[in-house]
Amino acid sequence: SIASVTLAGVTATLVSGNNSMVIVDATSGSPGQGHVIVTSNTGAFAIETGAWNYLAQGIITSFSPMAGQYGTSVAIAGTDILQGGSTFVVCTLAGYVAQITAQN
């Protein structure tokens, strides 16, 4: 069975794994590139050199307005907030999922 998986030196959370497929959730890591290492319970391991790249955390620089009610449009600006993606999928405001109506 799978004992551990590391992504760029950081232990990932194992979701499932077998002899041909491993699914993990990346945990918080420092920005940078590194190896993917899958280790079995026997100590055997497989490595893919330089295959994982942790991205720097995006930063929200401003949002407006700072309060509202259902239906209020909120503009959010930041740096690197797409984190390598091309579109936003989910946005939450005070723990509530907000409908994304526009992005650029």
N, C-alpha and C. Protein backbone atom coordinates (compact mmCIF):
# COMPACT_ATOMS: atom_id res chain seq x y z
N SER A 1 0.84 -1.19 0.00
CA SER A 1 0.00 0.00 0.00
C SER A 1 0.88 1.25 0.00
N ILE A 2 0.25 2.38 -0.27
CA ILE A 2 0.97 3.65 -0.32
C ILE A 2 1.18 4.17 1.10
N ALA A 3 2.42 4.47 1.44
CA ALA A 3 2.73 4.99 2.78
C ALA A 3 2.74 6.51 2.78
N SER A 4 3.28 7.14 1.73
CA SER A 4 3.35 8.60 1.70
C SER A 4 3.60 9.09 0.28
N VAL A 5 3.26 10.36 0.08
CA VAL A 5 3.56 11.06 -1.16
C VAL A 5 4.08 12.44 -0.78
N THR A 6 5.20 12.85 -1.39
CA THR A 6 5.69 14.20 -1.17
C THR A 6 5.68 14.95 -2.49
N LEU A 7 5.32 16.21 -2.41
CA LEU A 7 5.31 17.13 -3.55
C LEU A 7 6.29 18.24 -3.23
N ALA A 8 7.41 18.27 -3.95
CA ALA A 8 8.45 19.28 -3.71
C ALA A 8 8.88 19.31 -2.24
N GLY A 9 9.02 18.13 -1.65
CA GLY A 9 9.49 18.02 -0.28
C GLY A 9 8.45 18.16 0.80
N VAL A 10 7.18 18.36 0.42
CA VAL A 10 6.10 18.55 1.39
C VAL A 10 5.17 17.34 1.33
N THR A 11 4.89 16.75 2.49
CA THR A 11 4.00 15.59 2.53
C THR A 11 2.58 15.98 2.15
N ALA A 12 2.04 15.28 1.15
CA ALA A 12 0.68 15.52 0.69
C ALA A 12 -0.28 14.64 1.49
N THR A 13 -1.56 14.99 1.48
CA THR A 13 -2.60 14.19 2.14
C THR A 13 -3.07 13.13 1.17
N LEU A 14 -2.91 11.86 1.55
CA LEU A 14 -3.30 10.74 0.70
C LEU A 14 -4.81 10.59 0.69
N VAL A 15 -5.41 10.64 -0.50
CA VAL A 15 -6.85 10.45 -0.66
C VAL A 15 -7.12 8.98 -0.97
N SER A 16 -6.42 8.43 -1.95
CA SER A 16 -6.53 7.01 -2.29
C SER A 16 -5.30 6.61 -3.08
N GLY A 17 -5.07 5.32 -3.13
CA GLY A 17 -3.92 4.86 -3.89
C GLY A 17 -3.90 3.35 -4.04
N ASN A 18 -3.36 2.91 -5.17
CA ASN A 18 -3.14 1.49 -5.41
C ASN A 18 -1.87 1.35 -6.24
N ASN A 19 -1.66 0.21 -6.84
CA ASN A 19 -0.43 -0.06 -7.57
C ASN A 19 -0.28 0.76 -8.86
N SER A 20 -1.37 1.35 -9.35
CA SER A 20 -1.27 2.09 -10.61
C SER A 20 -1.77 3.53 -10.56
N MET A 21 -2.40 3.95 -9.46
CA MET A 21 -2.93 5.32 -9.37
C MET A 21 -2.90 5.79 -7.93
N VAL A 22 -2.46 7.03 -7.74
CA VAL A 22 -2.44 7.64 -6.41
C VAL A 22 -3.11 9.01 -6.54
N ILE A 23 -4.01 9.32 -5.61
CA ILE A 23 -4.65 10.63 -5.57
C ILE A 23 -4.34 11.26 -4.23
N VAL A 24 -3.81 12.49 -4.28
CA VAL A 24 -3.45 13.21 -3.06
C VAL A 24 -4.00 14.63 -3.13
N ASP A 25 -4.10 15.26 -1.98
CA ASP A 25 -4.38 16.69 -1.88
C ASP A 25 -3.09 17.37 -1.46
N ALA A 26 -2.68 18.38 -2.21
CA ALA A 26 -1.47 19.13 -1.86
C ALA A 26 -1.73 19.92 -0.58
N THR A 27 -0.77 19.90 0.31
CA THR A 27 -0.85 20.71 1.52
C THR A 27 -0.05 21.99 1.27
N SER A 28 -0.02 22.88 2.21
CA SER A 28 0.65 24.17 2.04
C SER A 28 2.15 23.97 1.91
N GLY A 29 2.73 24.61 0.91
CA GLY A 29 4.16 24.54 0.70
C GLY A 29 4.72 25.87 0.24
N SER A 30 6.02 25.99 0.29
CA SER A 30 6.69 27.20 -0.19
C SER A 30 6.75 27.19 -1.71
N PRO A 31 6.64 28.35 -2.34
CA PRO A 31 6.72 28.40 -3.79
C PRO A 31 8.02 27.79 -4.31
N GLY A 32 7.91 27.02 -5.37
CA GLY A 32 9.09 26.43 -5.99
C GLY A 32 8.82 25.06 -6.57
N GLN A 33 9.78 24.60 -7.35
CA GLN A 33 9.66 23.32 -8.04
C GLN A 33 10.41 22.23 -7.30
N GLY A 34 9.90 20.99 -7.41
CA GLY A 34 10.57 19.87 -6.76
C GLY A 34 10.03 18.54 -7.26
N HIS A 35 10.51 17.49 -6.64
CA HIS A 35 10.18 16.13 -7.04
C HIS A 35 8.83 15.66 -6.50
N VAL A 36 8.25 14.70 -7.20
CA VAL A 36 7.10 13.95 -6.69
C VAL A 36 7.64 12.59 -6.30
N ILE A 37 7.44 12.21 -5.04
CA ILE A 37 7.95 10.92 -4.55
C ILE A 37 6.80 10.15 -3.91
N VAL A 38 6.55 8.94 -4.41
CA VAL A 38 5.53 8.04 -3.87
C VAL A 38 6.27 6.91 -3.18
N THR A 39 5.99 6.71 -1.89
CA THR A 39 6.66 5.68 -1.10
C THR A 39 5.65 4.65 -0.64
N SER A 40 6.00 3.38 -0.80
CA SER A 40 5.10 2.30 -0.37
C SER A 40 5.40 1.90 1.07
N ASN A 41 4.55 1.05 1.63
CA ASN A 41 4.75 0.60 3.00
C ASN A 41 5.96 -0.32 3.14
N THR A 42 6.54 -0.77 2.03
CA THR A 42 7.76 -1.59 2.08
C THR A 42 9.02 -0.75 2.03
N GLY A 43 8.85 0.56 1.79
CA GLY A 43 10.00 1.44 1.66
C GLY A 43 10.41 1.70 0.21
N ALA A 44 9.84 0.93 -0.71
CA ALA A 44 10.13 1.16 -2.13
C ALA A 44 9.52 2.51 -2.53
N PHE A 45 10.12 3.16 -3.51
CA PHE A 45 9.59 4.46 -3.92
C PHE A 45 9.72 4.66 -5.42
N ALA A 46 8.88 5.55 -5.93
CA ALA A 46 8.95 6.01 -7.31
C ALA A 46 9.12 7.52 -7.26
N ILE A 47 9.93 8.04 -8.17
CA ILE A 47 10.21 9.48 -8.16
C ILE A 47 10.09 10.05 -9.56
N GLU A 48 9.50 11.22 -9.66
CA GLU A 48 9.47 12.00 -10.90
C GLU A 48 10.19 13.30 -10.58
N THR A 49 11.35 13.47 -11.16
CA THR A 49 12.23 14.60 -10.85
C THR A 49 11.66 15.92 -11.36
N GLY A 50 11.58 16.91 -10.46
CA GLY A 50 11.17 18.26 -10.82
C GLY A 50 9.78 18.38 -11.39
N ALA A 51 8.89 17.46 -11.02
CA ALA A 51 7.56 17.39 -11.65
C ALA A 51 6.49 18.24 -10.98
N TRP A 52 6.75 18.77 -9.79
CA TRP A 52 5.71 19.53 -9.08
C TRP A 52 6.19 20.95 -8.87
N ASN A 53 5.28 21.90 -9.06
CA ASN A 53 5.62 23.31 -8.85
C ASN A 53 4.58 23.95 -7.94
N TYR A 54 4.99 24.28 -6.71
CA TYR A 54 4.12 25.02 -5.81
C TYR A 54 4.08 26.47 -6.27
N LEU A 55 2.88 27.01 -6.45
CA LEU A 55 2.72 28.40 -6.86
C LEU A 55 2.63 29.29 -5.63
N ALA A 56 3.11 30.52 -5.77
CA ALA A 56 2.98 31.49 -4.67
C ALA A 56 1.51 31.78 -4.44
N GLN A 57 1.14 31.96 -3.19
CA GLN A 57 -0.26 32.25 -2.84
C GLN A 57 -0.65 33.61 -3.41
N GLY A 58 -1.83 33.66 -4.02
CA GLY A 58 -2.35 34.92 -4.54
C GLY A 58 -2.68 35.88 -3.42
N ILE A 59 -2.72 37.16 -3.75
CA ILE A 59 -2.98 38.19 -2.75
C ILE A 59 -4.14 39.06 -3.22
N ILE A 60 -5.17 39.18 -2.39
CA ILE A 60 -6.25 40.12 -2.67
C ILE A 60 -5.80 41.48 -2.19
N THR A 61 -5.77 42.45 -3.12
CA THR A 61 -5.27 43.78 -2.78
C THR A 61 -6.39 44.76 -2.45
N SER A 62 -7.59 44.51 -2.98
CA SER A 62 -8.71 45.38 -2.66
C SER A 62 -10.03 44.72 -3.03
N PHE A 63 -11.09 45.15 -2.38
CA PHE A 63 -12.44 44.75 -2.75
C PHE A 63 -13.39 45.86 -2.34
N SER A 64 -14.48 45.98 -3.11
CA SER A 64 -15.41 47.06 -2.84
C SER A 64 -16.79 46.66 -3.36
N PRO A 65 -17.84 46.93 -2.59
CA PRO A 65 -17.87 47.56 -1.27
C PRO A 65 -17.47 46.56 -0.19
N MET A 66 -17.34 47.03 1.03
CA MET A 66 -16.92 46.19 2.15
C MET A 66 -18.10 45.57 2.89
N ALA A 67 -19.33 45.90 2.47
CA ALA A 67 -20.53 45.34 3.09
C ALA A 67 -21.63 45.34 2.05
N GLY A 68 -22.61 44.49 2.24
CA GLY A 68 -23.73 44.45 1.30
C GLY A 68 -24.74 43.40 1.71
N GLN A 69 -25.68 43.19 0.85
CA GLN A 69 -26.73 42.20 1.08
C GLN A 69 -26.87 41.37 -0.19
N TYR A 70 -27.79 40.43 -0.17
CA TYR A 70 -28.03 39.57 -1.33
C TYR A 70 -28.18 40.43 -2.58
N GLY A 71 -27.44 40.09 -3.64
CA GLY A 71 -27.52 40.82 -4.89
C GLY A 71 -26.50 41.92 -5.06
N THR A 72 -25.75 42.25 -4.00
CA THR A 72 -24.73 43.29 -4.09
C THR A 72 -23.57 42.80 -4.97
N SER A 73 -23.15 43.60 -5.94
CA SER A 73 -21.98 43.29 -6.76
C SER A 73 -20.73 43.72 -6.01
N VAL A 74 -19.75 42.84 -5.96
CA VAL A 74 -18.50 43.11 -5.26
C VAL A 74 -17.35 42.97 -6.24
N ALA A 75 -16.50 43.98 -6.33
CA ALA A 75 -15.31 43.95 -7.18
C ALA A 75 -14.11 43.54 -6.33
N ILE A 76 -13.38 42.52 -6.79
CA ILE A 76 -12.22 42.02 -6.06
C ILE A 76 -11.00 42.11 -6.98
N ALA A 77 -9.92 42.73 -6.50
CA ALA A 77 -8.69 42.86 -7.28
C ALA A 77 -7.54 42.24 -6.51
N GLY A 78 -6.53 41.78 -7.23
CA GLY A 78 -5.39 41.18 -6.55
C GLY A 78 -4.24 40.87 -7.47
N THR A 79 -3.25 40.19 -6.89
CA THR A 79 -2.05 39.78 -7.60
C THR A 79 -1.97 38.26 -7.62
N ASP A 80 -1.81 37.68 -8.78
CA ASP A 80 -1.66 36.22 -8.94
C ASP A 80 -2.81 35.43 -8.34
N ILE A 81 -4.02 35.97 -8.39
CA ILE A 81 -5.14 35.29 -7.73
C ILE A 81 -5.71 34.13 -8.57
N LEU A 82 -5.36 34.02 -9.84
CA LEU A 82 -5.79 32.87 -10.63
C LEU A 82 -4.87 31.66 -10.43
N GLN A 83 -3.68 31.87 -9.92
CA GLN A 83 -2.74 30.80 -9.59
C GLN A 83 -2.54 29.80 -10.73
N GLY A 84 -2.32 30.31 -11.93
CA GLY A 84 -2.05 29.43 -13.06
C GLY A 84 -3.31 28.99 -13.79
N GLY A 85 -4.47 29.27 -13.22
CA GLY A 85 -5.73 28.92 -13.88
C GLY A 85 -6.12 29.98 -14.89
N SER A 86 -7.23 29.75 -15.56
CA SER A 86 -7.69 30.71 -16.55
C SER A 86 -8.99 31.40 -16.13
N THR A 87 -9.73 30.80 -15.20
CA THR A 87 -10.98 31.40 -14.72
C THR A 87 -11.19 31.05 -13.25
N PHE A 88 -12.01 31.86 -12.59
CA PHE A 88 -12.42 31.55 -11.22
C PHE A 88 -13.56 30.55 -11.28
N VAL A 89 -13.60 29.65 -10.33
CA VAL A 89 -14.66 28.66 -10.26
C VAL A 89 -15.57 28.92 -9.08
N VAL A 90 -14.99 29.31 -7.94
CA VAL A 90 -15.76 29.56 -6.72
C VAL A 90 -15.23 30.81 -6.04
N CYS A 91 -16.14 31.60 -5.50
CA CYS A 91 -15.78 32.76 -4.69
C CYS A 91 -16.70 32.75 -3.47
N THR A 92 -16.12 32.90 -2.29
CA THR A 92 -16.94 32.98 -1.08
C THR A 92 -16.75 34.34 -0.43
N LEU A 93 -17.83 34.86 0.11
CA LEU A 93 -17.81 36.11 0.87
C LEU A 93 -18.39 35.81 2.24
N ALA A 94 -17.59 35.99 3.28
CA ALA A 94 -18.01 35.71 4.66
C ALA A 94 -18.56 34.29 4.80
N GLY A 95 -17.95 33.35 4.06
CA GLY A 95 -18.34 31.94 4.15
C GLY A 95 -19.49 31.53 3.26
N TYR A 96 -20.06 32.45 2.50
CA TYR A 96 -21.17 32.15 1.60
C TYR A 96 -20.67 32.15 0.16
N VAL A 97 -21.10 31.17 -0.62
CA VAL A 97 -20.71 31.11 -2.03
C VAL A 97 -21.40 32.23 -2.79
N ALA A 98 -20.59 33.01 -3.52
CA ALA A 98 -21.11 34.12 -4.31
C ALA A 98 -21.15 33.72 -5.78
N GLN A 99 -22.11 34.23 -6.51
CA GLN A 99 -22.20 33.98 -7.94
C GLN A 99 -21.16 34.85 -8.65
N ILE A 100 -20.35 34.26 -9.49
CA ILE A 100 -19.35 35.00 -10.26
C ILE A 100 -20.04 35.49 -11.53
N THR A 101 -20.15 36.81 -11.68
CA THR A 101 -20.88 37.35 -12.83
C THR A 101 -19.96 37.89 -13.91
N ALA A 102 -18.73 38.22 -13.57
CA ALA A 102 -17.76 38.71 -14.56
C ALA A 102 -16.35 38.53 -14.01
N GLN A 103 -15.40 38.39 -14.91
CA GLN A 103 -13.99 38.33 -14.52
C GLN A 103 -13.13 38.71 -15.71
N ASN A 104 -11.99 39.33 -15.41
CA ASN A 104 -11.07 39.71 -16.48
C ASN A 104 -9.66 39.74 -15.98
